[in-house]
PDB file of N, CA and C in Angstrom:
ATOM      1  N   MET A   1     -28.077   4.169  64.425  1.00  0.00           N
ATOM      2  CA  MET A   1     -27.914   4.731  65.759  1.00  0.00           C
ATOM      3  C   MET A   1     -26.536   5.397  65.845  1.00  0.00           C
ATOM      4  N   ARG A   2     -26.485   6.528  66.517  1.00  0.00           N
ATOM      5  CA  ARG A   2     -25.234   7.252  66.683  1.00  0.00           C
ATOM      6  C   ARG A   2     -24.299   6.542  67.643  1.00  0.00           C
ATOM      7  N   GLU A   3     -23.028   6.597  67.309  1.00  0.00           N
ATOM      8  CA  GLU A   3     -22.017   6.035  68.189  1.00  0.00           C
ATOM      9  C   GLU A   3     -21.742   7.019  69.324  1.00  0.00           C
ATOM     10  N   LYS A   4     -21.700   6.524  70.555  1.00  0.00           N
ATOM     11  CA  LYS A   4     -21.419   7.389  71.700  1.00  0.00           C
ATOM     12  C   LYS A   4     -19.937   7.735  71.720  1.00  0.00           C
ATOM     13  N   LYS A   5     -19.646   8.974  72.125  1.00  0.00           N
ATOM     14  CA  LYS A   5     -18.274   9.458  72.185  1.00  0.00           C
ATOM     15  C   LYS A   5     -18.024  10.129  73.526  1.00  0.00           C
ATOM     16  N   ASP A   6     -16.753  10.318  73.844  1.00  0.00           N
ATOM     17  CA  ASP A   6     -16.383  11.049  75.056  1.00  0.00           C
ATOM     18  C   ASP A   6     -16.284  12.540  74.736  1.00  0.00           C
ATOM     19  N   TYR A   7     -16.845  13.340  75.631  1.00  0.00           N
ATOM     20  CA  TYR A   7     -16.822  14.792  75.480  1.00  0.00           C
ATOM     21  C   TYR A   7     -16.443  15.448  76.797  1.00  0.00           C
ATOM     22  N   ILE A   8     -16.013  16.667  76.687  1.00  0.00           N
ATOM     23  CA  ILE A   8     -15.822  17.532  77.846  1.00  0.00           C
ATOM     24  C   ILE A   8     -16.999  18.487  77.862  1.00  0.00           C
ATOM     25  N   ILE A   9     -17.648  18.603  79.004  1.00  0.00           N
ATOM     26  CA  ILE A   9     -18.772  19.512  79.192  1.00  0.00           C
ATOM     27  C   ILE A   9     -18.363  20.550  80.228  1.00  0.00           C
ATOM     28  N   ILE A  10     -18.459  21.815  79.862  1.00  0.00           N
ATOM     29  CA  ILE A  10     -18.152  22.917  80.776  1.00  0.00           C
ATOM     30  C   ILE A  10     -19.480  23.556  81.158  1.00  0.00           C
ATOM     31  N   THR A  11     -19.737  23.658  82.460  1.00  0.00           N
ATOM     32  CA  THR A  11     -21.016  24.201  82.945  1.00  0.00           C
ATOM     33  C   THR A  11     -20.831  25.613  83.504  1.00  0.00           C
ATOM     34  N   PHE A  12     -21.963  26.293  83.646  1.00  0.00           N
ATOM     35  CA  PHE A  12     -21.976  27.690  84.082  1.00  0.00           C
ATOM     36  C   PHE A  12     -23.058  27.905  85.128  1.00  0.00           C
ATOM     37  N   LYS A  13     -22.849  28.909  85.972  1.00  0.00           N
ATOM     38  CA  LYS A  13     -23.853  29.235  86.978  1.00  0.00           C
ATOM     39  C   LYS A  13     -25.013  30.023  86.385  1.00  0.00           C
ATOM     40  N   THR A  14     -24.727  30.790  85.317  1.00  0.00           N
ATOM     41  CA  THR A  14     -25.769  31.625  84.724  1.00  0.00           C
ATOM     42  C   THR A  14     -25.768  31.496  83.204  1.00  0.00           C
ATOM     43  N   THR A  15     -26.903  31.787  82.604  1.00  0.00           N
ATOM     44  CA  THR A  15     -27.009  31.805  81.157  1.00  0.00           C
ATOM     45  C   THR A  15     -26.117  32.892  80.579  1.00  0.00           C
ATOM     46  N   THR A  16     -25.996  34.005  81.273  1.00  0.00           N
ATOM     47  CA  THR A  16     -25.139  35.103  80.829  1.00  0.00           C
ATOM     48  C   THR A  16     -23.686  34.640  80.699  1.00  0.00           C
ATOM     49  N   ALA A  17     -23.212  33.850  81.648  1.00  0.00           N
ATOM     50  CA  ALA A  17     -21.848  33.329  81.592  1.00  0.00           C
ATOM     51  C   ALA A  17     -21.681  32.372  80.408  1.00  0.00           C
ATOM     52  N   ALA A  18     -22.683  31.545  80.149  1.00  0.00           N
ATOM     53  CA  ALA A  18     -22.622  30.613  79.017  1.00  0.00           C
ATOM     54  C   ALA A  18     -22.554  31.376  77.699  1.00  0.00           C
ATOM     55  N   MET A  19     -23.357  32.416  77.578  1.00  0.00           N
ATOM     56  CA  MET A  19     -23.353  33.214  76.356  1.00  0.00           C
ATOM     57  C   MET A  19     -22.035  33.975  76.193  1.00  0.00           C
ATOM     58  N   ALA A  20     -21.461  34.432  77.295  1.00  0.00           N
ATOM     59  CA  ALA A  20     -20.161  35.112  77.247  1.00  0.00           C
ATOM     60  C   ALA A  20     -19.081  34.133  76.787  1.00  0.00           C
ATOM     61  N   MET A  21     -19.146  32.903  77.249  1.00  0.00           N
ATOM     62  CA  MET A  21     -18.190  31.872  76.832  1.00  0.00           C
ATOM     63  C   MET A  21     -18.302  31.636  75.336  1.00  0.00           C
ATOM     64  N   GLU A  22     -19.520  31.506  74.854  1.00  0.00           N
ATOM     65  CA  GLU A  22     -19.721  31.281  73.426  1.00  0.00           C
ATOM     66  C   GLU A  22     -19.129  32.427  72.606  1.00  0.00           C
ATOM     67  N   LYS A  23     -19.396  33.640  73.010  1.00  0.00           N
ATOM     68  CA  LYS A  23     -18.892  34.808  72.286  1.00  0.00           C
ATOM     69  C   LYS A  23     -17.363  34.838  72.292  1.00  0.00           C
ATOM     70  N   GLU A  24     -16.771  34.629  73.459  1.00  0.00           N
ATOM     71  CA  GLU A  24     -15.318  34.682  73.575  1.00  0.00           C
ATOM     72  C   GLU A  24     -14.652  33.540  72.807  1.00  0.00           C
ATOM     73  N   CYS A  25     -15.237  32.351  72.869  1.00  0.00           N
ATOM     74  CA  CYS A  25     -14.668  31.205  72.148  1.00  0.00           C
ATOM     75  C   CYS A  25     -14.742  31.412  70.642  1.00  0.00           C
ATOM     76  N   LYS A  26     -15.834  31.962  70.156  1.00  0.00           N
ATOM     77  CA  LYS A  26     -15.939  32.217  68.718  1.00  0.00           C
ATOM     78  C   LYS A  26     -14.906  33.261  68.287  1.00  0.00           C
ATOM     79  N   THR A  27     -14.717  34.290  69.096  1.00  0.00           N
ATOM     80  CA  THR A  27     -13.740  35.328  68.788  1.00  0.00           C
ATOM     81  C   THR A  27     -12.321  34.768  68.740  1.00  0.00           C
ATOM     82  N   LYS A  28     -12.003  33.876  69.674  1.00  0.00           N
ATOM     83  CA  LYS A  28     -10.642  33.324  69.774  1.00  0.00           C
ATOM     84  C   LYS A  28     -10.498  31.979  69.066  1.00  0.00           C
ATOM     85  N   GLU A  29     -11.549  31.575  68.332  1.00  0.00           N
ATOM     86  CA  GLU A  29     -11.569  30.348  67.542  1.00  0.00           C
ATOM     87  C   GLU A  29     -11.313  29.086  68.369  1.00  0.00           C
ATOM     88  N   VAL A  30     -11.851  29.076  69.589  1.00  0.00           N
ATOM     89  CA  VAL A  30     -11.792  27.886  70.444  1.00  0.00           C
ATOM     90  C   VAL A  30     -12.874  26.936  69.945  1.00  0.00           C
ATOM     91  N   PRO A  31     -12.536  25.666  69.680  1.00  0.00           N
ATOM     92  CA  PRO A  31     -13.536  24.731  69.169  1.00  0.00           C
ATOM     93  C   PRO A  31     -14.587  24.376  70.227  1.00  0.00           C
ATOM     94  N   GLY A  32     -15.737  23.972  69.747  1.00  0.00           N
ATOM     95  CA  GLY A  32     -16.823  23.565  70.638  1.00  0.00           C
ATOM     96  C   GLY A  32     -18.095  24.311  70.306  1.00  0.00           C
ATOM     97  N   ARG A  33     -19.132  24.036  71.122  1.00  0.00           N
ATOM     98  CA  ARG A  33     -20.402  24.727  70.901  1.00  0.00           C
ATOM     99  C   ARG A  33     -21.262  24.670  72.152  1.00  0.00           C
ATOM    100  N   ILE A  34     -22.219  25.573  72.209  1.00  0.00           N
ATOM    101  CA  ILE A  34     -23.194  25.594  73.301  1.00  0.00           C
ATOM    102  C   ILE A  34     -24.218  24.495  73.046  1.00  0.00           C
ATOM    103  N   ILE A  35     -24.536  23.735  74.098  1.00  0.00           N
ATOM    104  CA  ILE A  35     -25.576  22.700  74.006  1.00  0.00           C
ATOM    105  C   ILE A  35     -26.438  22.786  75.268  1.00  0.00           C
ATOM    106  N   PRO A  36     -27.637  22.204  75.221  1.00  0.00           N
ATOM    107  CA  PRO A  36     -28.414  22.094  76.458  1.00  0.00           C
ATOM    108  C   PRO A  36     -27.647  21.217  77.453  1.00  0.00           C
ATOM    109  N   LEU A  37     -27.765  21.517  78.710  1.00  0.00           N
ATOM    110  CA  LEU A  37     -27.078  20.763  79.754  1.00  0.00           C
ATOM    111  C   LEU A  37     -27.532  19.300  79.726  1.00  0.00           C
ATOM    112  N   PRO A  38     -26.599  18.344  79.606  1.00  0.00           N
ATOM    113  CA  PRO A  38     -26.993  16.930  79.637  1.00  0.00           C
ATOM    114  C   PRO A  38     -27.705  16.587  80.951  1.00  0.00           C
ATOM    115  N   THR A  39     -28.654  15.679  80.883  1.00  0.00           N
ATOM    116  CA  THR A  39     -29.474  15.357  82.054  1.00  0.00           C
ATOM    117  C   THR A  39     -28.679  14.729  83.192  1.00  0.00           C
ATOM    118  N   GLN A  40     -27.538  14.098  82.889  1.00  0.00           N
ATOM    119  CA  GLN A  40     -26.755  13.462  83.952  1.00  0.00           C
ATOM    120  C   GLN A  40     -25.933  14.462  84.761  1.00  0.00           C
ATOM    121  N   ILE A  41     -25.963  15.747  84.375  1.00  0.00           N
ATOM    122  CA  ILE A  41     -25.203  16.780  85.082  1.00  0.00           C
ATOM    123  C   ILE A  41     -26.171  17.793  85.678  1.00  0.00           C
ATOM    124  N   SER A  42     -25.911  18.194  86.898  1.00  0.00           N
ATOM    125  CA  SER A  42     -26.705  19.237  87.548  1.00  0.00           C
ATOM    126  C   SER A  42     -25.834  20.490  87.666  1.00  0.00           C
ATOM    127  N   ALA A  43     -26.360  21.612  87.179  1.00  0.00           N
ATOM    128  CA  ALA A  43     -25.590  22.859  87.217  1.00  0.00           C
ATOM    129  C   ALA A  43     -26.533  24.038  87.340  1.00  0.00           C
ATOM    130  N   GLY A  44     -25.950  25.208  87.501  1.00  0.00           N
ATOM    131  CA  GLY A  44     -26.715  26.427  87.742  1.00  0.00           C
ATOM    132  C   GLY A  44     -27.591  26.859  86.585  1.00  0.00           C
ATOM    133  N   CYS A  45     -27.154  26.632  85.348  1.00  0.00           N
ATOM    134  CA  CYS A  45     -27.987  27.047  84.215  1.00  0.00           C
ATOM    135  C   CYS A  45     -28.169  25.875  83.270  1.00  0.00           C
ATOM    136  N   GLY A  46     -29.063  26.009  82.324  1.00  0.00           N
ATOM    137  CA  GLY A  46     -29.397  24.905  81.434  1.00  0.00           C
ATOM    138  C   GLY A  46     -28.548  24.802  80.183  1.00  0.00           C
ATOM    139  N   LEU A  47     -27.481  25.601  80.113  1.00  0.00           N
ATOM    140  CA  LEU A  47     -26.594  25.562  78.955  1.00  0.00           C
ATOM    141  C   LEU A  47     -25.201  25.118  79.365  1.00  0.00           C
ATOM    142  N   SER A  48     -24.483  24.535  78.410  1.00  0.00           N
ATOM    143  CA  SER A  48     -23.108  24.112  78.671  1.00  0.00           C
ATOM    144  C   SER A  48     -22.306  24.229  77.381  1.00  0.00           C
ATOM    145  N   TRP A  49     -20.990  24.162  77.509  1.00  0.00           N
ATOM    146  CA  TRP A  49     -20.091  24.194  76.357  1.00  0.00           C
ATOM    147  C   TRP A  49     -19.564  22.779  76.158  1.00  0.00           C
ATOM    148  N   ARG A  50     -19.671  22.256  74.932  1.00  0.00           N
ATOM    149  CA  ARG A  50     -19.220  20.894  74.646  1.00  0.00           C
ATOM    150  C   ARG A  50     -18.079  20.924  73.645  1.00  0.00           C
ATOM    151  N   MET A  51     -17.061  20.121  73.938  1.00  0.00           N
ATOM    152  CA  MET A  51     -15.960  19.930  73.002  1.00  0.00           C
ATOM    153  C   MET A  51     -15.431  18.517  73.169  1.00  0.00           C
ATOM    154  N   THR A  52     -14.693  18.047  72.177  1.00  0.00           N
ATOM    155  CA  THR A  52     -14.134  16.702  72.277  1.00  0.00           C
ATOM    156  C   THR A  52     -12.973  16.706  73.273  1.00  0.00           C
ATOM    157  N   CYS A  53     -12.645  15.538  73.771  1.00  0.00           N
ATOM    158  CA  CYS A  53     -11.539  15.431  74.728  1.00  0.00           C
ATOM    159  C   CYS A  53     -10.211  15.888  74.130  1.00  0.00           C
ATOM    160  N   PRO A  54      -9.868  15.486  72.897  1.00  0.00           N
ATOM    161  CA  PRO A  54      -8.610  15.974  72.318  1.00  0.00           C
ATOM    162  C   PRO A  54      -8.590  17.495  72.153  1.00  0.00           C
ATOM    163  N   GLU A  55      -9.740  18.083  71.789  1.00  0.00           N
ATOM    164  CA  GLU A  55      -9.808  19.544  71.672  1.00  0.00           C
ATOM    165  C   GLU A  55      -9.550  20.192  73.030  1.00  0.00           C
ATOM    166  N   TYR A  56     -10.174  19.638  74.066  1.00  0.00           N
ATOM    167  CA  TYR A  56      -9.986  20.211  75.402  1.00  0.00           C
ATOM    168  C   TYR A  56      -8.537  20.090  75.845  1.00  0.00           C
ATOM    169  N   ASP A  57      -7.916  18.942  75.598  1.00  0.00           N
ATOM    170  CA  ASP A  57      -6.512  18.769  75.973  1.00  0.00           C
ATOM    171  C   ASP A  57      -5.634  19.816  75.302  1.00  0.00           C
ATOM    172  N   GLU A  58      -5.941  20.119  74.043  1.00  0.00           N
ATOM    173  CA  GLU A  58      -5.153  21.107  73.296  1.00  0.00           C
ATOM    174  C   GLU A  58      -5.420  22.538  73.768  1.00  0.00           C
ATOM    175  N   TRP A  59      -6.660  22.838  74.131  1.00  0.00           N
ATOM    176  CA  TRP A  59      -7.074  24.208  74.435  1.00  0.00           C
ATOM    177  C   TRP A  59      -7.221  24.502  75.923  1.00  0.00           C
ATOM    178  N   LYS A  60      -7.014  23.542  76.789  1.00  0.00           N
ATOM    179  CA  LYS A  60      -7.282  23.690  78.224  1.00  0.00           C
ATOM    180  C   LYS A  60      -6.634  24.933  78.833  1.00  0.00           C
ATOM    181  N   ASP A  61      -5.352  25.138  78.600  1.00  0.00           N
ATOM    182  CA  ASP A  61      -4.665  26.289  79.182  1.00  0.00           C
ATOM    183  C   ASP A  61      -5.266  27.603  78.716  1.00  0.00           C
ATOM    184  N   ARG A  62      -5.623  27.675  77.449  1.00  0.00           N
ATOM    185  CA  ARG A  62      -6.212  28.912  76.920  1.00  0.00           C
ATOM    186  C   ARG A  62      -7.626  29.126  77.434  1.00  0.00           C
ATOM    187  N   ILE A  63      -8.375  28.040  77.631  1.00  0.00           N
ATOM    188  CA  ILE A  63      -9.731  28.168  78.181  1.00  0.00           C
ATOM    189  C   ILE A  63      -9.666  28.719  79.606  1.00  0.00           C
ATOM    190  N   GLU A  64      -8.709  28.223  80.378  1.00  0.00           N
ATOM    191  CA  GLU A  64      -8.563  28.694  81.757  1.00  0.00           C
ATOM    192  C   GLU A  64      -8.179  30.165  81.830  1.00  0.00           C
ATOM    193  N   GLN A  65      -7.622  30.718  80.756  1.00  0.00           N
ATOM    194  CA  GLN A  65      -7.223  32.123  80.726  1.00  0.00           C
ATOM    195  C   GLN A  65      -8.311  33.044  80.188  1.00  0.00           C
ATOM    196  N   LEU A  66      -9.438  32.481  79.732  1.00  0.00           N
ATOM    197  CA  LEU A  66     -10.535  33.305  79.236  1.00  0.00           C
ATOM    198  C   LEU A  66     -11.132  34.132  80.357  1.00  0.00           C
ATOM    199  N   ASP A  67     -11.747  35.236  80.000  1.00  0.00           N
ATOM    200  CA  ASP A  67     -12.388  36.106  80.984  1.00  0.00           C
ATOM    201  C   ASP A  67     -13.671  35.507  81.543  1.00  0.00           C
ATOM    202  N   THR A  68     -14.231  34.526  80.864  1.00  0.00           N
ATOM    203  CA  THR A  68     -15.491  33.920  81.269  1.00  0.00           C
ATOM    204  C   THR A  68     -15.294  32.997  82.472  1.00  0.00           C
ATOM    205  N   VAL A  69     -16.201  33.111  83.438  1.00  0.00           N
ATOM    206  CA  VAL A  69     -16.145  32.260  84.627  1.00  0.00           C
ATOM    207  C   VAL A  69     -17.080  31.074  84.407  1.00  0.00           C
ATOM    208  N   TYR A  70     -16.522  29.882  84.521  1.00  0.00           N
ATOM    209  CA  TYR A  70     -17.347  28.680  84.382  1.00  0.00           C
ATOM    210  C   TYR A  70     -17.434  27.977  85.728  1.00  0.00           C
ATOM    211  N   GLU A  71     -18.429  27.106  85.852  1.00  0.00           N
ATOM    212  CA  GLU A  71     -18.708  26.433  87.116  1.00  0.00           C
ATOM    213  C   GLU A  71     -17.864  25.172  87.295  1.00  0.00           C
ATOM    214  N   ALA A  72     -17.897  24.274  86.309  1.00  0.00           N
ATOM    215  CA  ALA A  72     -17.187  22.999  86.443  1.00  0.00           C
ATOM    216  C   ALA A  72     -16.912  22.409  85.065  1.00  0.00           C
ATOM    217  N   VAL A  73     -16.010  21.426  85.040  1.00  0.00           N
ATOM    218  CA  VAL A  73     -15.663  20.705  83.812  1.00  0.00           C
ATOM    219  C   VAL A  73     -15.920  19.222  84.072  1.00  0.00           C
ATOM    220  N   TYR A  74     -16.679  18.594  83.164  1.00  0.00           N
ATOM    221  CA  TYR A  74     -17.033  17.182  83.303  1.00  0.00           C
ATOM    222  C   TYR A  74     -16.572  16.403  82.081  1.00  0.00           C
ATOM    223  N   HIS A  75     -16.209  15.153  82.294  1.00  0.00           N
ATOM    224  CA  HIS A  75     -15.916  14.227  81.213  1.00  0.00           C
ATOM    225  C   HIS A  75     -17.113  13.293  81.120  1.00  0.00           C
ATOM    226  N   VAL A  76     -17.806  13.283  79.976  1.00  0.00           N
ATOM    227  CA  VAL A  76     -19.003  12.462  79.823  1.00  0.00           C
ATOM    228  C   VAL A  76     -18.934  11.613  78.556  1.00  0.00           C
ATOM    229  N   HIS A  77     -19.656  10.521  78.591  1.00  0.00           N
ATOM    230  CA  HIS A  77     -19.776   9.620  77.444  1.00  0.00           C
ATOM    231  C   HIS A  77     -21.203   9.757  76.942  1.00  0.00           C
ATOM    232  N   MET A  78     -21.380  10.345  75.765  1.00  0.00           N
ATOM    233  CA  MET A  78     -22.741  10.558  75.241  1.00  0.00           C
ATOM    234  C   MET A  78     -22.806  10.387  73.743  1.00  0.00           C
TER     235      MET A  78
END
């Protein structure tokens, strides 16, 4: 069985915004990946960006400066 870990989940209002985030993060080498929206979170679209908590702490300022508009940031244990 997989060990549960803490993650940061960034949600979006639209699929277009999620895809823009993925493209921009890959270009700027921001760690993380697109995943289906976890069931414990309700958001505008069914996709989200997942990264580890230490990655988010390191990249938070740069993520906030991206051109992509995100809906919310959640801390989850999954």
